[in-house]
Amino acid sequence: MTQEFAKIICAAEEEARQAIFQTQQKAHEAVNETQRMGKERVASTLRRAESEVAHLIRASDQKATEQAKELASKTANRQATLRARGERRLEDAAQLIVERIVSI
């Protein structure tokens, strides 16, 4: 009977070793799978962030271009106004000079 108990104990110990080994294998697989999923999630988040940054840059460039065109238009209008005023003053000055010369 002692031999039978020894065999039963040895079989139970072997089953326990196998169960521990299988549990450790499953734990390693779970860790590896979790790491893989984490890396995929980080890569996905990075791609999304890069896409958002590219979109923001395009939008910013477009807005800057629009603002530059608006500023150029305002500047051209202001320049035309100043030029017209200057030409009128030049004509007035020329007329004043002619009047003074004629009245001498």
N, C-alpha and C. Protein backbone atom coordinates (compact mmCIF):
# COMPACT_ATOMS: atom_id res chain seq x y z
N MET A 1 0.80 -1.17 0.00
CA MET A 1 0.00 0.00 0.00
C MET A 1 0.87 1.26 0.00
N THR A 2 1.98 1.24 0.61
CA THR A 2 2.88 2.37 0.64
C THR A 2 3.36 2.70 -0.76
N GLN A 3 3.61 1.65 -1.54
CA GLN A 3 4.04 1.88 -2.92
C GLN A 3 2.92 2.54 -3.71
N GLU A 4 1.71 2.13 -3.45
CA GLU A 4 0.58 2.73 -4.16
C GLU A 4 0.46 4.22 -3.81
N PHE A 5 0.61 4.54 -2.53
CA PHE A 5 0.57 5.94 -2.11
C PHE A 5 1.71 6.73 -2.75
N ALA A 6 2.88 6.12 -2.82
CA ALA A 6 4.03 6.78 -3.43
C ALA A 6 3.76 7.04 -4.89
N LYS A 7 3.15 6.06 -5.59
CA LYS A 7 2.82 6.24 -7.01
C LYS A 7 1.77 7.35 -7.17
N ILE A 8 0.78 7.34 -6.29
CA ILE A 8 -0.27 8.36 -6.35
C ILE A 8 0.34 9.74 -6.11
N ILE A 9 1.22 9.83 -5.12
CA ILE A 9 1.86 11.11 -4.80
C ILE A 9 2.74 11.56 -5.97
N CYS A 10 3.50 10.64 -6.55
CA CYS A 10 4.35 10.98 -7.71
C CYS A 10 3.50 11.44 -8.88
N ALA A 11 2.40 10.77 -9.12
CA ALA A 11 1.51 11.14 -10.22
C ALA A 11 0.91 12.52 -9.95
N ALA A 12 0.53 12.78 -8.71
CA ALA A 12 -0.04 14.08 -8.34
C ALA A 12 1.00 15.19 -8.50
N GLU A 13 2.24 14.88 -8.09
CA GLU A 13 3.32 15.86 -8.24
C GLU A 13 3.59 16.15 -9.72
N GLU A 14 3.56 15.11 -10.54
CA GLU A 14 3.78 15.29 -11.98
C GLU A 14 2.65 16.13 -12.59
N GLU A 15 1.43 15.84 -12.19
CA GLU A 15 0.29 16.63 -12.67
C GLU A 15 0.44 18.10 -12.24
N ALA A 16 0.88 18.30 -11.02
CA ALA A 16 1.07 19.67 -10.52
C ALA A 16 2.16 20.37 -11.32
N ARG A 17 3.27 19.66 -11.60
CA ARG A 17 4.35 20.24 -12.41
C ARG A 17 3.84 20.59 -13.81
N GLN A 18 3.06 19.71 -14.40
CA GLN A 18 2.50 19.96 -15.74
C GLN A 18 1.54 21.16 -15.70
N ALA A 19 0.72 21.21 -14.67
CA ALA A 19 -0.23 22.31 -14.54
C ALA A 19 0.52 23.64 -14.37
N ILE A 20 1.57 23.63 -13.56
CA ILE A 20 2.38 24.84 -13.35
C ILE A 20 3.05 25.24 -14.66
N PHE A 21 3.61 24.27 -15.37
CA PHE A 21 4.27 24.54 -16.64
C PHE A 21 3.28 25.14 -17.65
N GLN A 22 2.12 24.53 -17.75
CA GLN A 22 1.09 25.03 -18.68
C GLN A 22 0.61 26.43 -18.29
N THR A 23 0.46 26.64 -17.01
CA THR A 23 0.04 27.96 -16.53
C THR A 23 1.10 29.00 -16.84
N GLN A 24 2.37 28.65 -16.64
CA GLN A 24 3.46 29.57 -16.97
C GLN A 24 3.50 29.86 -18.47
N GLN A 25 3.29 28.82 -19.28
CA GLN A 25 3.27 29.02 -20.74
C GLN A 25 2.14 29.97 -21.14
N LYS A 26 0.96 29.75 -20.56
CA LYS A 26 -0.18 30.62 -20.87
C LYS A 26 0.10 32.05 -20.41
N ALA A 27 0.75 32.19 -19.26
CA ALA A 27 1.09 33.53 -18.75
C ALA A 27 2.06 34.22 -19.69
N HIS A 28 3.08 33.50 -20.16
CA HIS A 28 4.05 34.07 -21.10
C HIS A 28 3.34 34.47 -22.40
N GLU A 29 2.46 33.62 -22.89
CA GLU A 29 1.73 33.93 -24.11
C GLU A 29 0.85 35.17 -23.92
N ALA A 30 0.22 35.26 -22.76
CA ALA A 30 -0.64 36.41 -22.46
C ALA A 30 0.19 37.70 -22.41
N VAL A 31 1.37 37.62 -21.78
CA VAL A 31 2.25 38.79 -21.70
C VAL A 31 2.69 39.20 -23.11
N ASN A 32 3.10 38.22 -23.91
CA ASN A 32 3.54 38.52 -25.28
C ASN A 32 2.40 39.13 -26.10
N GLU A 33 1.22 38.58 -25.98
CA GLU A 33 0.06 39.10 -26.71
C GLU A 33 -0.27 40.53 -26.26
N THR A 34 -0.20 40.75 -24.97
CA THR A 34 -0.47 42.09 -24.43
C THR A 34 0.56 43.09 -24.93
N GLN A 35 1.82 42.69 -24.95
CA GLN A 35 2.87 43.58 -25.47
C GLN A 35 2.65 43.88 -26.95
N ARG A 36 2.28 42.86 -27.73
CA ARG A 36 2.03 43.06 -29.16
C ARG A 36 0.87 44.03 -29.36
N MET A 37 -0.20 43.83 -28.59
CA MET A 37 -1.36 44.70 -28.70
C MET A 37 -1.01 46.13 -28.29
N GLY A 38 -0.19 46.26 -27.26
CA GLY A 38 0.25 47.58 -26.81
C GLY A 38 1.06 48.29 -27.89
N LYS A 39 1.96 47.56 -28.52
CA LYS A 39 2.77 48.14 -29.59
C LYS A 39 1.89 48.56 -30.76
N GLU A 40 0.90 47.74 -31.10
CA GLU A 40 -0.02 48.09 -32.18
C GLU A 40 -0.81 49.34 -31.83
N ARG A 41 -1.24 49.43 -30.59
CA ARG A 41 -2.02 50.59 -30.16
C ARG A 41 -1.16 51.85 -30.20
N VAL A 42 0.09 51.74 -29.76
CA VAL A 42 1.00 52.89 -29.79
C VAL A 42 1.24 53.32 -31.24
N ALA A 43 1.47 52.34 -32.12
CA ALA A 43 1.70 52.66 -33.54
C ALA A 43 0.46 53.31 -34.15
N SER A 44 -0.70 52.80 -33.82
CA SER A 44 -1.95 53.37 -34.33
C SER A 44 -2.14 54.80 -33.83
N THR A 45 -1.89 55.02 -32.56
CA THR A 45 -2.01 56.36 -31.98
C THR A 45 -1.01 57.31 -32.62
N LEU A 46 0.19 56.84 -32.85
CA LEU A 46 1.22 57.66 -33.50
C LEU A 46 0.80 58.04 -34.92
N ARG A 47 0.27 57.07 -35.67
CA ARG A 47 -0.19 57.37 -37.03
C ARG A 47 -1.32 58.41 -37.00
N ARG A 48 -2.25 58.24 -36.07
CA ARG A 48 -3.37 59.18 -35.96
C ARG A 48 -2.86 60.58 -35.60
N ALA A 49 -1.91 60.64 -34.67
CA ALA A 49 -1.35 61.94 -34.26
C ALA A 49 -0.62 62.59 -35.43
N GLU A 50 0.14 61.81 -36.19
CA GLU A 50 0.86 62.36 -37.34
C GLU A 50 -0.13 62.89 -38.38
N SER A 51 -1.22 62.16 -38.56
CA SER A 51 -2.25 62.60 -39.50
C SER A 51 -2.88 63.91 -39.04
N GLU A 52 -3.19 64.01 -37.76
CA GLU A 52 -3.79 65.23 -37.21
C GLU A 52 -2.82 66.41 -37.34
N VAL A 53 -1.54 66.17 -37.08
CA VAL A 53 -0.54 67.23 -37.19
C VAL A 53 -0.45 67.70 -38.65
N ALA A 54 -0.44 66.74 -39.58
CA ALA A 54 -0.37 67.10 -41.00
C ALA A 54 -1.60 67.93 -41.40
N HIS A 55 -2.76 67.53 -40.90
CA HIS A 55 -3.99 68.28 -41.19
C HIS A 55 -3.90 69.70 -40.61
N LEU A 56 -3.42 69.82 -39.38
CA LEU A 56 -3.29 71.13 -38.76
C LEU A 56 -2.30 72.01 -39.51
N ILE A 57 -1.22 71.42 -39.98
CA ILE A 57 -0.22 72.17 -40.74
C ILE A 57 -0.83 72.67 -42.05
N ARG A 58 -1.57 71.77 -42.74
CA ARG A 58 -2.21 72.19 -44.00
C ARG A 58 -3.21 73.33 -43.75
N ALA A 59 -4.02 73.17 -42.70
CA ALA A 59 -5.01 74.21 -42.38
C ALA A 59 -4.32 75.52 -42.03
N SER A 60 -3.24 75.44 -41.27
CA SER A 60 -2.49 76.64 -40.88
C SER A 60 -1.87 77.30 -42.11
N ASP A 61 -1.29 76.50 -43.00
CA ASP A 61 -0.71 77.04 -44.22
C ASP A 61 -1.77 77.72 -45.09
N GLN A 62 -2.93 77.08 -45.19
CA GLN A 62 -4.01 77.64 -45.99
C GLN A 62 -4.47 78.98 -45.39
N LYS A 63 -4.63 79.01 -44.08
CA LYS A 63 -5.06 80.24 -43.42
C LYS A 63 -4.01 81.34 -43.60
N ALA A 64 -2.74 80.97 -43.46
CA ALA A 64 -1.67 81.96 -43.63
C ALA A 64 -1.66 82.49 -45.06
N THR A 65 -1.89 81.62 -46.03
CA THR A 65 -1.93 82.05 -47.43
C THR A 65 -3.09 83.02 -47.66
N GLU A 66 -4.26 82.68 -47.09
CA GLU A 66 -5.42 83.56 -47.23
C GLU A 66 -5.15 84.92 -46.58
N GLN A 67 -4.56 84.90 -45.41
CA GLN A 67 -4.25 86.15 -44.72
C GLN A 67 -3.22 86.97 -45.49
N ALA A 68 -2.25 86.29 -46.08
CA ALA A 68 -1.23 87.00 -46.87
C ALA A 68 -1.86 87.64 -48.10
N LYS A 69 -2.79 86.92 -48.75
CA LYS A 69 -3.48 87.48 -49.91
C LYS A 69 -4.32 88.69 -49.50
N GLU A 70 -5.01 88.58 -48.38
CA GLU A 70 -5.84 89.68 -47.89
C GLU A 70 -4.96 90.90 -47.57
N LEU A 71 -3.84 90.64 -46.91
CA LEU A 71 -2.92 91.74 -46.57
C LEU A 71 -2.35 92.37 -47.84
N ALA A 72 -2.00 91.54 -48.83
CA ALA A 72 -1.47 92.07 -50.08
C ALA A 72 -2.52 92.93 -50.79
N SER A 73 -3.77 92.48 -50.74
CA SER A 73 -4.85 93.24 -51.37
C SER A 73 -5.04 94.58 -50.66
N LYS A 74 -5.06 94.54 -49.32
CA LYS A 74 -5.21 95.79 -48.56
C LYS A 74 -4.04 96.72 -48.83
N THR A 75 -2.85 96.16 -48.90
CA THR A 75 -1.65 96.97 -49.16
C THR A 75 -1.72 97.59 -50.54
N ALA A 76 -2.16 96.80 -51.53
CA ALA A 76 -2.28 97.33 -52.90
C ALA A 76 -3.32 98.44 -52.94
N ASN A 77 -4.43 98.25 -52.24
CA ASN A 77 -5.46 99.31 -52.21
C ASN A 77 -4.92 100.58 -51.54
N ARG A 78 -4.24 100.40 -50.44
CA ARG A 78 -3.67 101.53 -49.71
C ARG A 78 -2.64 102.25 -50.59
N GLN A 79 -1.83 101.45 -51.28
CA GLN A 79 -0.81 102.02 -52.17
C GLN A 79 -1.48 102.83 -53.29
N ALA A 80 -2.54 102.29 -53.88
CA ALA A 80 -3.25 103.00 -54.95
C ALA A 80 -3.85 104.30 -54.43
N THR A 81 -4.41 104.24 -53.24
CA THR A 81 -4.99 105.45 -52.63
C THR A 81 -3.92 106.50 -52.40
N LEU A 82 -2.79 106.09 -51.83
CA LEU A 82 -1.70 107.03 -51.57
C LEU A 82 -1.14 107.59 -52.87
N ARG A 83 -1.03 106.74 -53.88
CA ARG A 83 -0.51 107.19 -55.17
C ARG A 83 -1.45 108.23 -55.79
N ALA A 84 -2.76 107.94 -55.74
CA ALA A 84 -3.74 108.87 -56.30
C ALA A 84 -3.69 110.21 -55.56
N ARG A 85 -3.61 110.15 -54.24
CA ARG A 85 -3.52 111.37 -53.44
C ARG A 85 -2.24 112.14 -53.79
N GLY A 86 -1.15 111.42 -53.91
CA GLY A 86 0.12 112.06 -54.26
C GLY A 86 0.08 112.70 -55.63
N GLU A 87 -0.55 112.03 -56.61
CA GLU A 87 -0.65 112.59 -57.95
C GLU A 87 -1.53 113.84 -57.94
N ARG A 88 -2.63 113.82 -57.16
CA ARG A 88 -3.48 115.02 -57.06
C ARG A 88 -2.69 116.18 -56.46
N ARG A 89 -1.94 115.88 -55.42
CA ARG A 89 -1.15 116.93 -54.78
C ARG A 89 -0.08 117.46 -55.73
N LEU A 90 0.49 116.54 -56.50
CA LEU A 90 1.50 116.96 -57.48
C LEU A 90 0.87 117.88 -58.52
N GLU A 91 -0.33 117.53 -58.97
CA GLU A 91 -1.03 118.37 -59.93
C GLU A 91 -1.36 119.74 -59.31
N ASP A 92 -1.82 119.70 -58.05
CA ASP A 92 -2.12 120.96 -57.35
C ASP A 92 -0.87 121.81 -57.22
N ALA A 93 0.23 121.16 -56.87
CA ALA A 93 1.50 121.90 -56.71
C ALA A 93 1.94 122.48 -58.04
N ALA A 94 1.81 121.69 -59.11
CA ALA A 94 2.21 122.17 -60.44
C ALA A 94 1.35 123.36 -60.84
N GLN A 95 0.04 123.27 -60.56
CA GLN A 95 -0.85 124.36 -60.90
C GLN A 95 -0.51 125.61 -60.09
N LEU A 96 -0.19 125.43 -58.82
CA LEU A 96 0.18 126.55 -57.95
C LEU A 96 1.45 127.21 -58.47
N ILE A 97 2.41 126.41 -58.89
CA ILE A 97 3.66 126.95 -59.43
C ILE A 97 3.38 127.74 -60.70
N VAL A 98 2.55 127.19 -61.57
CA VAL A 98 2.21 127.87 -62.83
C VAL A 98 1.52 129.19 -62.51
N GLU A 99 0.58 129.19 -61.56
CA GLU A 99 -0.13 130.42 -61.20
C GLU A 99 0.83 131.48 -60.67
N ARG A 100 1.79 131.08 -59.89
CA ARG A 100 2.75 132.03 -59.31
C ARG A 100 3.67 132.60 -60.39
N ILE A 101 4.06 131.70 -61.30
CA ILE A 101 4.96 132.17 -62.37
C ILE A 101 4.21 133.15 -63.28
N VAL A 102 2.95 132.82 -63.59
CA VAL A 102 2.16 133.67 -64.48
C VAL A 102 1.86 135.00 -63.79
N SER A 103 1.65 134.99 -62.50
CA SER A 103 1.30 136.23 -61.80
C SER A 103 2.52 137.10 -61.55
N ILE A 104 3.67 136.65 -61.83
CA ILE A 104 4.87 137.46 -61.60
C ILE A 104 5.01 138.49 -62.66
